[in-house]
Amino acid sequence: MKEFIINVSPLETRIALIEDKRLAELLIERQESRSVVGNIYKGRVDSIVPGIQAAFIDIGFEKNGFLYVSDIAGAEGTGDFDFEEGTIKPRGSSRRGRPPSIESLLKKNQHIMVQVSKDMLGTKGVRLTNYVTLPGRYVVLMPTVKHLGVSRKIGNDKERDRLRKILQSVRPPGTGLILRTAGEDKKKSDFQDDVRYLSIVWNEIKGKMETAKSASLLHADLGPILRIVRDMFTADVEKMTIDDETEYRRIIEFLDMFAPGLKNRVKLYNQSRPIFDKFGIEKEIEKALNRKVYLKSGGYICIDQTEALIAIDVNTGRFTGTKHLEETVFRVNLEAAEEIARQVRLRDLGGIIVIDFIDMAIEKNRRELIKHLQNCLKHDRAKTTISEISELGMIEMTRKRVKHNLIKALSQPCPYCEGGGMVRSVTTMTFDTLRRLHSLFCASKEKRVILQIHPDVARRLRTENKDMLDAIARDFDREVALESVSDFHIHDVKMLSAKTRTEISAK
């Protein structure tokens, strides 16, 4: 069973994907740091760096975007591409021999159309590509590449052949198309409508490119909610529940155009209890920020993040299992593989991941473990590669990284240990405090409440987020007084009755 739970507030949008009643993926997009992946800009070549065959492109951001030579249309010839849903990239060197140098393709101050493929990560600017892709409901239009592709997730050979023939017949001259998973079993007319709409969008973008100023936006991708509806709300999703009426109506309007058969699966949540509390998602998010994750058997895994890589350690913990040590270790490793696959996806861990499984002596068990981990990762939309298990029981894995992972998105370097660890960020704690207050007012009739919080959180609630605090108090007809407590940890929050000064909670 798959379903989406969506929480909308003026400050952030949170989208949870539930699979078999467990949180599988979480997307958080804040107003202050909205994703620009998929946006298309008229860029200006600011500088060219021959040594790394890349260019820095001014697209109007504080930091220039980064464009590799392999991400420029024409640099890799034709015919050797790696297709994913909504993306296209060259796969190694061209069949036509050595690719041209970046100096022969770009000149300083030249204008070029670019699309953002990765958001800013740390001190790095956005990653750019000149291979423009325009995703629709059933197909992705690729105006700069004359290729056809069918989603790898469509496994039936007969259906793939049928779809390929349809793509050939609906493809606009000089362009390419990728058929998405949602296009399986669809009619030719469905693809024609999609291609017609995307062709109109592309013509508008080309027109703007001719007239727009340098370093300006030509096309913005959909917001996070409609992007999820377009890309992931397929027939195997049983339900989508959202707590905002305006966004609910937008979803219905979108589905009216592209997938009317799914409209009855969208539900508006209008209970007073916060939607993530109702479905137990807040607790799951809390667990996803912990270093240690316990397994049902009594074993556990530890997840540590560094600048260079992510290390995951597997331990038997309290699990003693059978009298046979090898069998005990094998069972813990199998269970750990399942949880690691889930945590990697939920936390959106990317880059190099090193997994230290418990040592096993039997080669057959090692092979079974690799196979099991690969099967567990099949549901992951991000591209992953897995190495063979070493004699020490370690597996090296890579996972495509597009944005900040969950911990980096919600946390900041710890000021108490001078950056050695991570704590919730001021922004995260401010939003969390507002949610706790809302939950309290839903459960309690207390008229006047004192909120004791860390000084940095209090400062945010008195300034840039004061309107949110005032709105909650106004909606429930309550009074809220803020008290800064200098010796509070950033995570500490206490809610007191103003009448008795005793602590109260939403439980």
Protein backbone atom coordinates (compact mmCIF):
# COMPACT_ATOMS: atom_id res chain seq x y z
CA MET A 1 0.00 0.00 0.00
CA LYS A 2 1.28 3.46 -0.95
CA GLU A 3 -0.15 6.83 0.03
CA PHE A 4 0.92 10.47 0.30
CA ILE A 5 0.35 12.67 3.36
CA ILE A 6 0.90 16.40 2.69
CA ASN A 7 1.25 19.15 5.30
CA VAL A 8 1.15 22.75 4.07
CA SER A 9 2.01 25.85 6.10
CA PRO A 10 3.04 29.40 5.14
CA LEU A 11 6.65 28.54 5.98
CA GLU A 12 7.15 25.07 4.57
CA THR A 13 5.58 22.20 2.66
CA ARG A 14 6.14 18.63 3.87
CA ILE A 15 5.27 15.61 1.73
CA ALA A 16 5.44 12.11 3.19
CA LEU A 17 5.30 8.92 1.14
CA ILE A 18 3.97 5.99 3.16
CA GLU A 19 4.65 2.43 2.00
CA ASP A 20 3.16 -0.51 3.91
CA LYS A 21 2.25 1.87 6.76
CA ARG A 22 5.85 3.07 7.22
CA LEU A 23 7.41 6.39 6.26
CA ALA A 24 9.45 5.74 3.10
CA GLU A 25 10.32 9.21 1.76
CA LEU A 26 10.03 12.75 3.06
CA LEU A 27 10.26 15.94 1.03
CA ILE A 28 10.57 19.23 2.92
CA GLU A 29 10.62 22.49 1.00
CA ARG A 30 10.85 25.77 2.90
CA GLN A 31 9.92 29.16 1.51
CA GLU A 32 13.38 30.48 2.37
CA SER A 33 15.18 27.72 0.43
CA ARG A 34 12.95 26.57 -2.41
CA SER A 35 14.39 24.09 -4.87
CA VAL A 36 15.25 25.43 -8.32
CA VAL A 37 15.91 22.03 -9.93
CA GLY A 38 14.18 21.95 -13.31
CA ASN A 39 14.17 25.73 -13.75
CA ILE A 40 15.53 27.02 -17.06
CA TYR A 41 17.61 30.22 -17.34
CA LYS A 42 19.24 32.43 -19.92
CA GLY A 43 22.79 32.23 -18.63
CA ARG A 44 25.96 34.15 -19.41
CA VAL A 45 29.36 32.47 -19.48
CA ASP A 46 31.28 34.23 -16.72
CA SER A 47 34.48 32.19 -16.89
CA ILE A 48 35.90 29.05 -18.49
CA VAL A 49 38.25 26.68 -16.64
CA PRO A 50 40.05 24.47 -19.20
CA GLY A 51 41.83 22.46 -16.50
CA ILE A 52 38.58 20.86 -15.35
CA GLN A 53 36.72 21.32 -18.66
CA ALA A 54 33.96 23.35 -17.03
CA ALA A 55 32.46 26.82 -17.08
CA PHE A 56 30.90 29.08 -14.48
CA ILE A 57 27.59 30.50 -15.68
CA ASP A 58 25.90 33.61 -14.33
CA ILE A 59 22.15 32.93 -13.99
CA GLY A 60 21.38 35.78 -11.60
CA PHE A 61 22.22 33.96 -8.36
CA GLU A 62 24.72 35.05 -5.73
CA LYS A 63 26.95 32.15 -6.77
CA ASN A 64 27.54 31.22 -10.40
CA GLY A 65 26.26 27.88 -11.64
CA PHE A 66 28.64 25.11 -12.69
CA LEU A 67 28.52 23.55 -16.19
CA TYR A 68 30.70 20.57 -17.19
CA VAL A 69 31.63 20.10 -20.84
CA SER A 70 29.79 16.75 -20.81
CA ASP A 71 26.57 18.61 -19.93
CA ILE A 72 26.63 20.72 -23.10
CA ALA A 73 24.48 19.52 -26.00
CA GLY A 74 26.72 18.54 -28.89
CA ALA A 75 29.75 17.82 -26.72
CA GLU A 76 29.16 14.06 -26.69
CA GLY A 77 27.89 13.44 -30.21
CA THR A 78 24.81 11.24 -30.41
CA GLY A 79 23.70 7.80 -29.49
CA ASP A 80 25.28 7.00 -26.11
CA PHE A 81 23.01 8.28 -23.40
CA ASP A 82 21.76 7.11 -20.03
CA PHE A 83 18.03 7.65 -19.62
CA GLU A 84 16.22 8.12 -16.33
CA GLU A 85 12.73 9.47 -15.87
CA GLY A 86 13.05 13.20 -16.41
CA THR A 87 16.81 13.23 -16.85
CA ILE A 88 19.33 12.63 -19.59
CA LYS A 89 23.08 12.56 -19.39
CA PRO A 90 25.97 11.38 -21.56
CA ARG A 91 27.32 7.95 -20.68
CA GLY A 92 31.08 8.28 -20.96
CA SER A 93 32.80 9.25 -24.18
CA SER A 94 31.10 9.69 -27.52
CA ARG A 95 31.03 7.07 -30.22
CA ARG A 96 32.45 9.70 -32.52
CA GLY A 97 35.74 9.80 -30.67
CA ARG A 98 37.14 12.36 -28.28
CA PRO A 99 34.61 15.07 -27.35
CA PRO A 100 35.39 18.70 -28.18
CA SER A 101 36.98 20.91 -25.53
CA ILE A 102 34.90 23.39 -23.59
CA GLU A 103 36.93 26.25 -25.09
CA SER A 104 35.68 25.29 -28.55
CA LEU A 105 32.05 25.19 -27.39
CA LEU A 106 31.79 28.29 -25.19
CA LYS A 107 33.24 31.79 -25.13
CA LYS A 108 33.31 34.30 -22.28
CA ASN A 109 30.11 36.43 -22.09
CA GLN A 110 28.30 34.08 -24.50
CA HIS A 111 24.61 33.52 -23.74
CA ILE A 112 23.48 29.92 -23.24
CA MET A 113 20.25 28.23 -22.18
CA VAL A 114 20.79 26.12 -19.08
CA GLN A 115 18.66 24.04 -16.73
CA VAL A 116 19.37 23.41 -13.04
CA SER A 117 20.09 19.72 -12.38
CA LYS A 118 21.23 20.06 -8.74
CA ASP A 119 20.47 22.63 -6.07
CA MET A 120 23.25 24.38 -4.16
CA LEU A 121 25.07 22.00 -1.81
CA GLY A 122 27.14 23.65 0.92
CA THR A 123 29.46 26.18 -0.69
CA LYS A 124 28.87 24.88 -4.22
CA GLY A 125 26.66 26.72 -6.68
CA VAL A 126 23.91 24.98 -8.61
CA ARG A 127 24.85 22.28 -11.12
CA LEU A 128 23.70 23.12 -14.65
CA THR A 129 23.05 21.26 -17.86
CA ASN A 130 22.41 22.35 -21.42
CA TYR A 131 20.39 19.17 -22.06
CA VAL A 132 16.94 20.64 -21.46
CA THR A 133 14.21 18.24 -20.31
CA LEU A 134 10.53 19.14 -19.94
CA PRO A 135 8.63 16.52 -17.91
CA GLY A 136 4.96 15.87 -18.58
CA ARG A 137 2.61 13.38 -17.02
CA TYR A 138 3.47 10.52 -19.40
CA VAL A 139 6.51 11.66 -21.38
CA VAL A 140 9.58 13.85 -21.01
CA LEU A 141 10.34 16.09 -23.99
CA MET A 142 14.06 16.50 -24.79
CA PRO A 143 14.33 19.35 -27.33
CA THR A 144 18.12 19.07 -27.75
CA VAL A 145 18.49 15.28 -28.17
CA LYS A 146 17.06 13.12 -30.96
CA HIS A 147 16.52 9.98 -28.91
CA LEU A 148 13.71 7.80 -27.66
CA GLY A 149 13.64 5.99 -24.32
CA VAL A 150 11.16 3.92 -22.33
CA SER A 151 11.24 3.79 -18.53
CA ARG A 152 13.23 0.83 -17.24
CA LYS A 153 10.42 0.11 -14.79
CA ILE A 154 8.19 -1.05 -17.66
CA GLY A 155 9.41 -4.63 -17.95
CA ASN A 156 7.02 -6.24 -20.43
CA ASP A 157 8.83 -6.49 -23.79
CA LYS A 158 5.62 -6.48 -25.83
CA GLU A 159 4.40 -3.33 -24.06
CA ARG A 160 7.79 -1.65 -24.50
CA ASP A 161 7.67 -2.31 -28.26
CA ARG A 162 4.14 -0.92 -28.48
CA LEU A 163 5.12 2.22 -26.58
CA ARG A 164 8.26 2.74 -28.64
CA LYS A 165 6.19 2.72 -31.85
CA ILE A 166 3.82 5.28 -30.35
CA LEU A 167 6.75 7.50 -29.35
CA GLN A 168 8.09 7.36 -32.90
CA SER A 169 4.74 8.53 -34.25
CA VAL A 170 4.18 11.42 -31.79
CA ARG A 171 7.75 12.73 -31.56
CA PRO A 172 8.14 16.31 -32.85
CA PRO A 173 10.86 16.59 -35.54
CA GLY A 174 14.36 17.08 -34.18
CA THR A 175 13.50 16.21 -30.57
CA GLY A 176 13.62 13.23 -28.24
CA LEU A 177 11.13 11.65 -25.84
CA ILE A 178 11.35 9.51 -22.71
CA LEU A 179 8.23 7.57 -21.83
CA ARG A 180 7.56 7.57 -18.09
CA THR A 181 6.28 4.72 -15.94
CA ALA A 182 2.86 6.37 -15.73
CA GLY A 183 2.56 5.91 -19.51
CA GLU A 184 2.28 2.13 -19.29
CA ASP A 185 -0.96 0.86 -20.91
CA LYS A 186 -1.92 4.40 -22.06
CA LYS A 187 -3.39 5.25 -25.46
CA LYS A 188 -1.70 7.20 -28.25
CA SER A 189 -4.04 10.15 -27.64
CA ASP A 190 -2.73 10.47 -24.05
CA PHE A 191 0.81 10.93 -25.34
CA GLN A 192 -0.30 13.30 -28.09
CA ASP A 193 -1.91 15.61 -25.53
CA ASP A 194 1.22 15.53 -23.39
CA VAL A 195 3.57 16.21 -26.32
CA ARG A 196 1.35 19.00 -27.64
CA TYR A 197 1.38 20.76 -24.26
CA LEU A 198 5.15 20.36 -23.79
CA SER A 199 5.83 21.61 -27.33
CA ILE A 200 3.89 24.80 -26.57
CA VAL A 201 5.95 25.26 -23.39
CA TRP A 202 9.19 24.74 -25.33
CA ASN A 203 8.24 27.28 -27.99
CA GLU A 204 7.48 29.82 -25.26
CA ILE A 205 10.88 29.19 -23.68
CA LYS A 206 12.67 29.65 -27.02
CA GLY A 207 10.80 32.90 -27.57
CA LYS A 208 11.82 34.21 -24.16
CA MET A 209 15.44 33.23 -24.82
CA GLU A 210 15.48 35.65 -27.76
CA THR A 211 14.13 38.63 -25.82
CA ALA A 212 15.01 38.07 -22.14
CA LYS A 213 17.79 39.89 -20.35
CA SER A 214 20.99 38.07 -19.49
CA ALA A 215 20.94 35.89 -16.34
CA SER A 216 17.15 35.65 -16.12
CA LEU A 217 14.55 32.94 -15.54
CA LEU A 218 12.92 31.53 -18.68
CA HIS A 219 10.80 28.76 -17.15
CA ALA A 220 10.03 27.61 -13.60
CA ASP A 221 9.17 23.99 -12.88
CA LEU A 222 6.05 23.12 -10.89
CA GLY A 223 6.00 23.61 -7.13
CA PRO A 224 6.72 20.62 -4.85
CA ILE A 225 3.12 19.38 -4.53
CA LEU A 226 2.17 19.39 -8.22
CA ARG A 227 5.63 18.03 -9.04
CA ILE A 228 4.90 15.01 -6.82
CA VAL A 229 1.44 14.64 -8.40
CA ARG A 230 2.96 14.74 -11.89
CA ASP A 231 5.92 12.47 -11.18
CA MET A 232 4.79 10.01 -8.50
CA PHE A 233 0.99 9.94 -8.17
CA THR A 234 0.38 6.83 -10.25
CA ALA A 235 -2.21 4.05 -10.26
CA ASP A 236 -0.40 2.11 -7.51
CA VAL A 237 -0.91 4.98 -5.01
CA GLU A 238 -4.11 4.35 -3.07
CA LYS A 239 -4.62 7.77 -1.54
CA MET A 240 -3.30 11.32 -1.22
CA THR A 241 -4.37 13.35 1.84
CA ILE A 242 -3.64 17.08 2.13
CA ASP A 243 -4.50 19.61 4.85
CA ASP A 244 -4.73 22.75 2.70
CA GLU A 245 -7.87 23.55 0.69
CA THR A 246 -6.17 25.84 -1.84
CA GLU A 247 -3.54 23.22 -2.72
CA TYR A 248 -6.23 20.53 -2.72
CA ARG A 249 -8.14 22.44 -5.41
CA ARG A 250 -4.94 22.88 -7.45
CA ILE A 251 -4.33 19.14 -7.35
CA ILE A 252 -7.89 18.45 -8.52
CA GLU A 253 -7.54 20.97 -11.37
CA PHE A 254 -4.23 19.39 -12.42
CA LEU A 255 -5.68 15.88 -12.37
CA ASP A 256 -8.72 17.11 -14.31
CA MET A 257 -6.34 17.87 -17.17
CA PHE A 258 -3.93 14.95 -16.96
CA ALA A 259 -5.36 12.05 -14.90
CA PRO A 260 -9.06 12.47 -14.07
CA GLY A 261 -9.32 8.85 -12.97
CA LEU A 262 -7.19 9.61 -9.90
CA LYS A 263 -9.25 12.54 -8.57
CA ASN A 264 -11.31 10.40 -6.20
CA ARG A 265 -8.12 9.29 -4.44
CA VAL A 266 -7.34 12.82 -3.23
CA LYS A 267 -8.77 13.69 0.18
CA LEU A 268 -8.91 17.01 2.04
CA TYR A 269 -7.94 16.71 5.71
CA ASN A 270 -9.79 19.27 7.84
CA GLN A 271 -9.49 17.99 11.41
CA SER A 272 -8.05 20.28 14.09
CA ARG A 273 -5.32 17.80 15.03
CA PRO A 274 -2.18 18.38 12.87
CA ILE A 275 -2.08 15.90 9.99
CA PHE A 276 1.45 14.62 10.69
CA ASP A 277 0.48 13.97 14.33
CA LYS A 278 -2.65 12.12 13.23
CA PHE A 279 -0.70 9.75 10.99
CA GLY A 280 2.30 9.36 13.34
CA ILE A 281 4.73 11.00 10.93
CA GLU A 282 6.22 13.51 13.40
CA LYS A 283 7.54 10.61 15.50
CA GLU A 284 9.01 8.95 12.41
CA ILE A 285 10.81 12.18 11.46
CA GLU A 286 12.21 12.38 15.00
CA LYS A 287 13.59 8.84 14.66
CA ALA A 288 15.09 9.63 11.25
CA LEU A 289 17.33 12.26 12.85
CA ASN A 290 18.82 9.81 15.36
CA ARG A 291 22.27 8.31 14.82
CA LYS A 292 21.25 4.87 16.08
CA VAL A 293 18.43 2.82 14.53
CA TYR A 294 17.25 -0.30 16.35
CA LEU A 295 16.28 -3.50 14.56
CA LYS A 296 13.40 -5.76 15.58
CA SER A 297 15.85 -8.54 16.45
CA GLY A 298 17.61 -6.39 19.05
CA GLY A 299 20.51 -5.47 16.81
CA TYR A 300 21.08 -1.93 15.59
CA ILE A 301 22.79 0.20 12.96
CA CYS A 302 24.72 3.45 13.49
CA ILE A 303 24.75 6.11 10.77
CA ASP A 304 27.57 8.68 10.80
CA GLN A 305 27.97 11.45 8.25
CA THR A 306 31.23 13.19 7.34
CA GLU A 307 32.20 15.56 4.55
CA ALA A 308 33.79 12.72 2.57
CA LEU A 309 31.36 9.84 3.08
CA ILE A 310 28.60 8.24 5.13
CA ALA A 311 29.55 5.30 7.36
CA ILE A 312 26.96 2.75 8.49
CA ASP A 313 27.93 0.20 11.14
CA VAL A 314 25.92 -2.96 11.86
CA ASN A 315 25.88 -4.46 15.37
CA THR A 316 24.19 -7.54 16.88
CA GLY A 317 23.28 -5.64 20.07
CA ARG A 318 21.06 -7.75 22.34
CA PHE A 319 20.37 -10.35 19.65
CA THR A 320 22.01 -13.67 20.54
CA GLY A 321 19.94 -15.77 18.13
CA THR A 322 20.78 -19.43 17.74
CA LYS A 323 23.73 -21.45 18.98
CA HIS A 324 25.37 -21.02 15.60
CA LEU A 325 27.24 -17.71 15.38
CA GLU A 326 27.29 -17.62 11.56
CA GLU A 327 23.50 -18.02 11.36
CA THR A 328 22.97 -15.30 13.98
CA VAL A 329 25.24 -12.88 12.13
CA PHE A 330 23.63 -13.70 8.78
CA ARG A 331 20.12 -12.99 10.11
CA VAL A 332 21.17 -9.68 11.66
CA ASN A 333 22.92 -8.63 8.43
CA LEU A 334 19.82 -9.43 6.35
CA GLU A 335 17.59 -7.41 8.67
CA ALA A 336 20.14 -4.58 8.71
CA ALA A 337 20.22 -4.52 4.89
CA GLU A 338 16.45 -3.94 4.80
CA GLU A 339 16.67 -1.11 7.34
CA ILE A 340 19.70 0.46 5.65
CA ALA A 341 17.85 0.56 2.31
CA ARG A 342 14.92 2.24 4.07
CA GLN A 343 17.06 4.74 5.99
CA VAL A 344 19.18 5.69 2.96
CA ARG A 345 16.01 6.52 1.07
CA LEU A 346 14.20 8.21 3.97
CA ARG A 347 17.19 10.34 5.00
CA ASP A 348 18.07 10.93 1.32
CA LEU A 349 21.70 9.99 1.92
CA GLY A 350 23.91 10.52 -1.13
CA GLY A 351 27.49 10.26 -2.31
CA ILE A 352 29.74 7.47 -1.03
CA ILE A 353 28.21 5.18 1.59
CA VAL A 354 30.36 2.56 3.34
CA ILE A 355 28.46 -0.21 5.15
CA ASP A 356 30.33 -2.28 7.73
CA PHE A 357 28.31 -5.48 8.01
CA ILE A 358 29.20 -8.07 10.65
CA ASP A 359 31.88 -10.45 9.34
CA MET A 360 30.64 -13.70 7.80
CA ALA A 361 32.81 -16.70 7.01
CA ILE A 362 30.57 -18.44 4.46
CA GLU A 363 30.83 -17.10 0.89
CA LYS A 364 27.26 -18.13 0.05
CA ASN A 365 25.95 -15.93 2.87
CA ARG A 366 27.95 -12.98 1.54
CA ARG A 367 26.45 -13.40 -1.93
CA GLU A 368 22.95 -13.69 -0.44
CA LEU A 369 23.49 -10.49 1.52
CA ILE A 370 24.53 -8.53 -1.59
CA LYS A 371 21.53 -9.85 -3.51
CA HIS A 372 19.19 -9.01 -0.62
CA LEU A 373 20.51 -5.44 -0.36
CA GLN A 374 20.09 -4.95 -4.12
CA ASN A 375 16.48 -6.17 -3.92
CA CYS A 376 15.77 -3.85 -0.99
CA LEU A 377 17.05 -0.87 -3.00
CA LYS A 378 14.79 -1.54 -6.00
CA HIS A 379 12.14 0.88 -4.72
CA ASP A 380 14.66 3.72 -4.48
CA ARG A 381 14.18 6.33 -7.23
CA ALA A 382 17.77 7.54 -6.84
CA LYS A 383 20.43 5.73 -8.85
CA THR A 384 22.59 3.43 -6.68
CA THR A 385 25.58 1.19 -7.30
CA ILE A 386 26.86 -1.51 -4.92
CA SER A 387 30.34 -3.04 -4.74
CA GLU A 388 31.13 -6.64 -3.83
CA ILE A 389 31.42 -7.38 -0.12
CA SER A 390 35.03 -7.35 1.12
CA GLU A 391 36.68 -9.96 3.32
CA LEU A 392 36.09 -7.64 6.26
CA GLY A 393 32.37 -7.54 5.54
CA MET A 394 32.32 -4.01 4.11
CA ILE A 395 30.28 -2.83 1.13
CA GLU A 396 30.88 0.41 -0.72
CA MET A 397 27.79 1.95 -2.24
CA THR A 398 27.16 5.15 -4.18
CA ARG A 399 23.84 6.96 -4.39
CA LYS A 400 23.02 9.94 -6.56
CA ARG A 401 22.93 13.14 -4.53
CA VAL A 402 20.71 16.00 -5.75
CA LYS A 403 19.94 18.02 -2.62
CA HIS A 404 20.77 18.26 1.09
CA ASN A 405 19.90 15.10 2.99
CA LEU A 406 17.33 15.15 5.79
CA ILE A 407 19.76 15.75 8.65
CA LYS A 408 21.55 18.61 6.88
CA ALA A 409 18.21 20.12 5.86
CA LEU A 410 16.88 20.15 9.44
CA SER A 411 20.09 20.58 11.46
CA GLN A 412 23.10 22.80 11.99
CA PRO A 413 26.64 22.22 13.36
CA CYS A 414 26.53 21.83 17.13
CA PRO A 415 27.62 25.05 18.91
CA TYR A 416 28.13 23.17 22.18
CA CYS A 417 30.86 20.83 20.88
CA GLU A 418 32.26 23.35 18.36
CA GLY A 419 30.82 21.68 15.29
CA GLY A 420 31.68 18.08 16.09
CA GLY A 421 28.04 17.00 15.90
CA MET A 422 24.68 18.23 14.66
CA VAL A 423 21.69 19.79 16.43
CA ARG A 424 18.35 20.98 15.09
CA SER A 425 18.65 24.32 13.36
CA VAL A 426 16.98 27.45 14.71
CA THR A 427 14.58 27.36 11.76
CA THR A 428 13.65 23.73 12.44
CA MET A 429 13.11 24.37 16.16
CA THR A 430 11.05 27.49 15.43
CA PHE A 431 8.71 25.57 13.12
CA ASP A 432 8.62 22.63 15.55
CA THR A 433 7.68 24.95 18.42
CA LEU A 434 4.82 26.44 16.40
CA ARG A 435 3.56 22.94 15.59
CA ARG A 436 3.74 21.91 19.26
CA LEU A 437 1.79 25.01 20.25
CA HIS A 438 -0.87 24.23 17.66
CA SER A 439 -1.14 20.66 18.96
CA LEU A 440 -1.44 21.92 22.54
CA PHE A 441 -4.31 24.25 21.69
CA CYS A 442 -6.08 21.38 19.89
CA ALA A 443 -5.86 19.21 23.02
CA SER A 444 -6.07 21.75 25.86
CA LYS A 445 -8.46 24.55 26.80
CA GLU A 446 -5.70 26.53 28.54
CA LYS A 447 -6.38 30.19 27.67
CA ARG A 448 -3.00 31.74 28.54
CA VAL A 449 0.26 29.94 27.86
CA ILE A 450 3.89 30.77 28.61
CA LEU A 451 6.37 29.43 26.05
CA GLN A 452 9.86 28.86 27.47
CA ILE A 453 12.41 28.47 24.68
CA HIS A 454 16.04 28.99 23.69
CA PRO A 455 16.92 32.70 23.09
CA ASP A 456 17.59 32.15 19.36
CA VAL A 457 14.17 30.55 18.88
CA ALA A 458 12.51 33.31 20.91
CA ARG A 459 14.22 35.90 18.70
CA ARG A 460 12.78 34.28 15.57
CA LEU A 461 9.27 34.15 17.07
CA ARG A 462 9.47 37.84 18.02
CA THR A 463 10.65 38.96 14.58
CA GLU A 464 10.39 37.17 11.23
CA ASN A 465 7.98 34.44 12.40
CA LYS A 466 5.87 36.60 14.71
CA ASP A 467 2.97 36.59 12.26
CA MET A 468 2.75 32.78 12.47
CA LEU A 469 2.72 32.84 16.27
CA ASP A 470 0.06 35.57 16.29
CA ALA A 471 -2.06 33.65 13.77
CA ILE A 472 -2.10 30.49 15.93
CA ALA A 473 -3.04 32.48 19.03
CA ARG A 474 -5.76 34.34 17.11
CA ASP A 475 -7.22 31.20 15.51
CA PHE A 476 -7.65 29.52 18.90
CA ASP A 477 -8.47 32.74 20.81
CA ARG A 478 -5.54 32.23 23.21
CA GLU A 479 -2.71 34.32 24.64
CA VAL A 480 0.95 33.35 24.33
CA ALA A 481 3.86 34.90 26.25
CA LEU A 482 7.47 34.15 25.27
CA GLU A 483 10.24 33.61 27.81
CA SER A 484 13.88 33.26 26.71
CA VAL A 485 15.82 30.83 28.89
CA SER A 486 19.55 31.34 28.42
CA ASP A 487 20.63 27.94 29.77
CA PHE A 488 18.18 26.01 27.57
CA HIS A 489 19.56 23.67 24.91
CA ILE A 490 18.38 24.62 21.41
CA HIS A 491 16.06 21.56 21.52
CA ASP A 492 14.39 22.53 24.82
CA VAL A 493 10.77 23.73 24.75
CA LYS A 494 8.45 24.07 27.74
CA MET A 495 4.82 25.16 27.68
CA LEU A 496 3.44 26.43 30.99
CA SER A 497 0.04 27.45 32.24
CA ALA A 498 0.21 31.20 32.85
CA LYS A 499 -2.17 30.74 35.78
CA THR A 500 -0.26 28.04 37.68
CA ARG A 501 3.16 28.07 35.94
CA THR A 502 2.98 24.28 35.76
CA GLU A 503 4.05 22.48 32.59
CA ILE A 504 1.31 21.34 30.23
CA SER A 505 1.47 19.15 27.14
CA ALA A 506 -0.63 18.18 24.14
CA LYS A 507 -0.75 14.52 25.18
